[in-house]
Amino acid sequence: MATETETKQLWVCTSCGFVYDPDEGDPDGGIPPGTPFTEIPDTWFCPVCGARSERARTTCHAPMRHIKGWTWLDNDGVNLAATVLGGGLGMLGSLIK
């Protein structure tokens, strides 16, 4: 006897960790229960931190597995370091002229 199981898709805000559950929706944000994340308008913001919807990623609640690199250095850390380093080099370049 074959049985099919369907994995429930939840969406997690990568800024604050808010979990969007399609069964609950976001009634305060104008998203009725039963609305899949793919049907949420681009104007929707995370109700917790205000991040735009494209900063969310899907999750199946499986534990994350670290592949390589430093576990404490994520993309936000790399972006911050690049911004600070780039700004510092720009200021240094303008002083050398």
C-alpha atoms as a PDB file:
ATOM      1  CA  MET A   1       0.000   0.000   0.000  1.00  0.00           C
ATOM      2  CA  ALA A   2       1.564   3.282  -1.153  1.00  0.00           C
ATOM      3  CA  THR A   3       1.028   6.405   0.889  1.00  0.00           C
ATOM      4  CA  GLU A   4       1.895   9.953  -0.032  1.00  0.00           C
ATOM      5  CA  THR A   5       3.027  12.553   2.443  1.00  0.00           C
ATOM      6  CA  GLU A   6       3.175  16.236   1.771  1.00  0.00           C
ATOM      7  CA  THR A   7       5.666  18.476   3.543  1.00  0.00           C
ATOM      8  CA  LYS A   8       4.182  21.695   4.830  1.00  0.00           C
ATOM      9  CA  GLN A   9       6.129  24.686   3.475  1.00  0.00           C
ATOM     10  CA  LEU A  10       6.821  27.442   5.980  1.00  0.00           C
ATOM     11  CA  TRP A  11       8.750  30.629   5.259  1.00  0.00           C
ATOM     12  CA  VAL A  12      11.297  32.200   7.589  1.00  0.00           C
ATOM     13  CA  CYS A  13      12.315  35.856   7.549  1.00  0.00           C
ATOM     14  CA  THR A  14      16.104  35.882   7.247  1.00  0.00           C
ATOM     15  CA  SER A  15      16.271  39.187   9.126  1.00  0.00           C
ATOM     16  CA  CYS A  16      14.464  38.272  12.348  1.00  0.00           C
ATOM     17  CA  GLY A  17      13.413  34.616  12.146  1.00  0.00           C
ATOM     18  CA  PHE A  18       9.655  35.229  11.931  1.00  0.00           C
ATOM     19  CA  VAL A  19       7.931  32.118  10.561  1.00  0.00           C
ATOM     20  CA  TYR A  20       5.141  32.684   8.025  1.00  0.00           C
ATOM     21  CA  ASP A  21       2.634  29.833   8.158  1.00  0.00           C
ATOM     22  CA  PRO A  22       0.249  29.823   5.157  1.00  0.00           C
ATOM     23  CA  ASP A  23      -2.464  28.248   7.338  1.00  0.00           C
ATOM     24  CA  GLU A  24      -2.377  31.292   9.634  1.00  0.00           C
ATOM     25  CA  GLY A  25      -1.571  33.995   7.067  1.00  0.00           C
ATOM     26  CA  ASP A  26      -1.007  37.516   8.366  1.00  0.00           C
ATOM     27  CA  PRO A  27      -4.470  39.004   8.945  1.00  0.00           C
ATOM     28  CA  ASP A  28      -2.998  42.195  10.460  1.00  0.00           C
ATOM     29  CA  GLY A  29      -0.911  42.627   7.279  1.00  0.00           C
ATOM     30  CA  GLY A  30      -3.871  41.978   4.973  1.00  0.00           C
ATOM     31  CA  ILE A  31      -2.916  38.358   4.154  1.00  0.00           C
ATOM     32  CA  PRO A  32      -5.839  36.002   4.893  1.00  0.00           C
ATOM     33  CA  PRO A  33      -5.285  32.496   6.289  1.00  0.00           C
ATOM     34  CA  GLY A  34      -4.642  29.913   3.582  1.00  0.00           C
ATOM     35  CA  THR A  35      -2.549  32.263   1.414  1.00  0.00           C
ATOM     36  CA  PRO A  36       0.610  30.555   0.109  1.00  0.00           C
ATOM     37  CA  PHE A  37       3.783  32.629   0.394  1.00  0.00           C
ATOM     38  CA  THR A  38       4.114  32.655  -3.409  1.00  0.00           C
ATOM     39  CA  GLU A  39       0.837  34.596  -3.640  1.00  0.00           C
ATOM     40  CA  ILE A  40       1.773  37.320  -1.170  1.00  0.00           C
ATOM     41  CA  PRO A  41       2.103  40.700  -2.923  1.00  0.00           C
ATOM     42  CA  ASP A  42       5.533  42.314  -3.240  1.00  0.00           C
ATOM     43  CA  THR A  43       4.323  45.143  -1.012  1.00  0.00           C
ATOM     44  CA  TRP A  44       4.038  42.823   2.019  1.00  0.00           C
ATOM     45  CA  PHE A  45       6.513  43.361   4.867  1.00  0.00           C
ATOM     46  CA  CYS A  46       7.531  41.071   7.727  1.00  0.00           C
ATOM     47  CA  PRO A  47       5.169  41.895  10.617  1.00  0.00           C
ATOM     48  CA  VAL A  48       7.984  41.659  13.167  1.00  0.00           C
ATOM     49  CA  CYS A  49      10.951  43.541  11.651  1.00  0.00           C
ATOM     50  CA  GLY A  50       9.531  45.172   8.510  1.00  0.00           C
ATOM     51  CA  ALA A  51      11.818  43.349   6.050  1.00  0.00           C
ATOM     52  CA  ARG A  52      10.517  42.942   2.515  1.00  0.00           C
ATOM     53  CA  SER A  53       9.140  39.544   1.523  1.00  0.00           C
ATOM     54  CA  GLU A  54      12.052  38.672  -0.772  1.00  0.00           C
ATOM     55  CA  ARG A  55      14.310  38.347   2.302  1.00  0.00           C
ATOM     56  CA  ALA A  56      12.471  35.182   3.337  1.00  0.00           C
ATOM     57  CA  ARG A  57      13.526  31.650   2.541  1.00  0.00           C
ATOM     58  CA  THR A  58      11.648  28.396   2.643  1.00  0.00           C
ATOM     59  CA  THR A  59      12.327  25.845   5.330  1.00  0.00           C
ATOM     60  CA  CYS A  60      11.231  22.312   6.120  1.00  0.00           C
ATOM     61  CA  HIS A  61      12.416  22.660   9.735  1.00  0.00           C
ATOM     62  CA  ALA A  62      15.310  20.299   9.060  1.00  0.00           C
ATOM     63  CA  PRO A  63      18.426  21.182  11.030  1.00  0.00           C
ATOM     64  CA  MET A  64      20.828  23.405   9.119  1.00  0.00           C
ATOM     65  CA  ARG A  65      24.089  21.763   8.167  1.00  0.00           C
ATOM     66  CA  HIS A  66      27.279  23.807   8.067  1.00  0.00           C
ATOM     67  CA  ILE A  67      29.213  23.058   4.872  1.00  0.00           C
ATOM     68  CA  LYS A  68      32.442  25.046   5.165  1.00  0.00           C
ATOM     69  CA  GLY A  69      33.834  28.334   6.387  1.00  0.00           C
ATOM     70  CA  TRP A  70      33.472  29.982   9.773  1.00  0.00           C
ATOM     71  CA  THR A  71      30.127  29.254  11.432  1.00  0.00           C
ATOM     72  CA  TRP A  72      30.024  32.724  13.019  1.00  0.00           C
ATOM     73  CA  LEU A  73      30.476  34.548   9.702  1.00  0.00           C
ATOM     74  CA  ASP A  74      27.263  34.619   7.676  1.00  0.00           C
ATOM     75  CA  ASN A  75      26.340  36.689   4.595  1.00  0.00           C
ATOM     76  CA  ASP A  76      25.333  39.703   6.677  1.00  0.00           C
ATOM     77  CA  GLY A  77      28.761  39.694   8.350  1.00  0.00           C
ATOM     78  CA  VAL A  78      30.524  39.471   4.997  1.00  0.00           C
ATOM     79  CA  ASN A  79      28.415  42.334   3.619  1.00  0.00           C
ATOM     80  CA  LEU A  80      29.214  44.489   6.660  1.00  0.00           C
ATOM     81  CA  ALA A  81      32.940  43.748   6.420  1.00  0.00           C
ATOM     82  CA  ALA A  82      32.974  44.531   2.689  1.00  0.00           C
ATOM     83  CA  THR A  83      31.128  47.802   3.239  1.00  0.00           C
ATOM     84  CA  VAL A  84      33.427  48.934   6.040  1.00  0.00           C
ATOM     85  CA  LEU A  85      36.575  47.870   4.194  1.00  0.00           C
ATOM     86  CA  GLY A  86      35.416  49.471   0.934  1.00  0.00           C
ATOM     87  CA  GLY A  87      34.517  52.717   2.693  1.00  0.00           C
ATOM     88  CA  GLY A  88      37.840  52.758   4.514  1.00  0.00           C
ATOM     89  CA  LEU A  89      39.794  52.188   1.327  1.00  0.00           C
ATOM     90  CA  GLY A  90      37.791  54.905  -0.421  1.00  0.00           C
ATOM     91  CA  MET A  91      38.551  57.396   2.330  1.00  0.00           C
ATOM     92  CA  LEU A  92      42.221  56.411   2.307  1.00  0.00           C
ATOM     93  CA  GLY A  93      42.342  56.837  -1.473  1.00  0.00           C
ATOM     94  CA  SER A  94      40.864  60.310  -1.238  1.00  0.00           C
ATOM     95  CA  LEU A  95      43.481  61.335   1.362  1.00  0.00           C
ATOM     96  CA  ILE A  96      46.414  60.105  -0.770  1.00  0.00           C
ATOM     97  CA  LYS A  97      45.552  62.311  -3.761  1.00  0.00           C
END
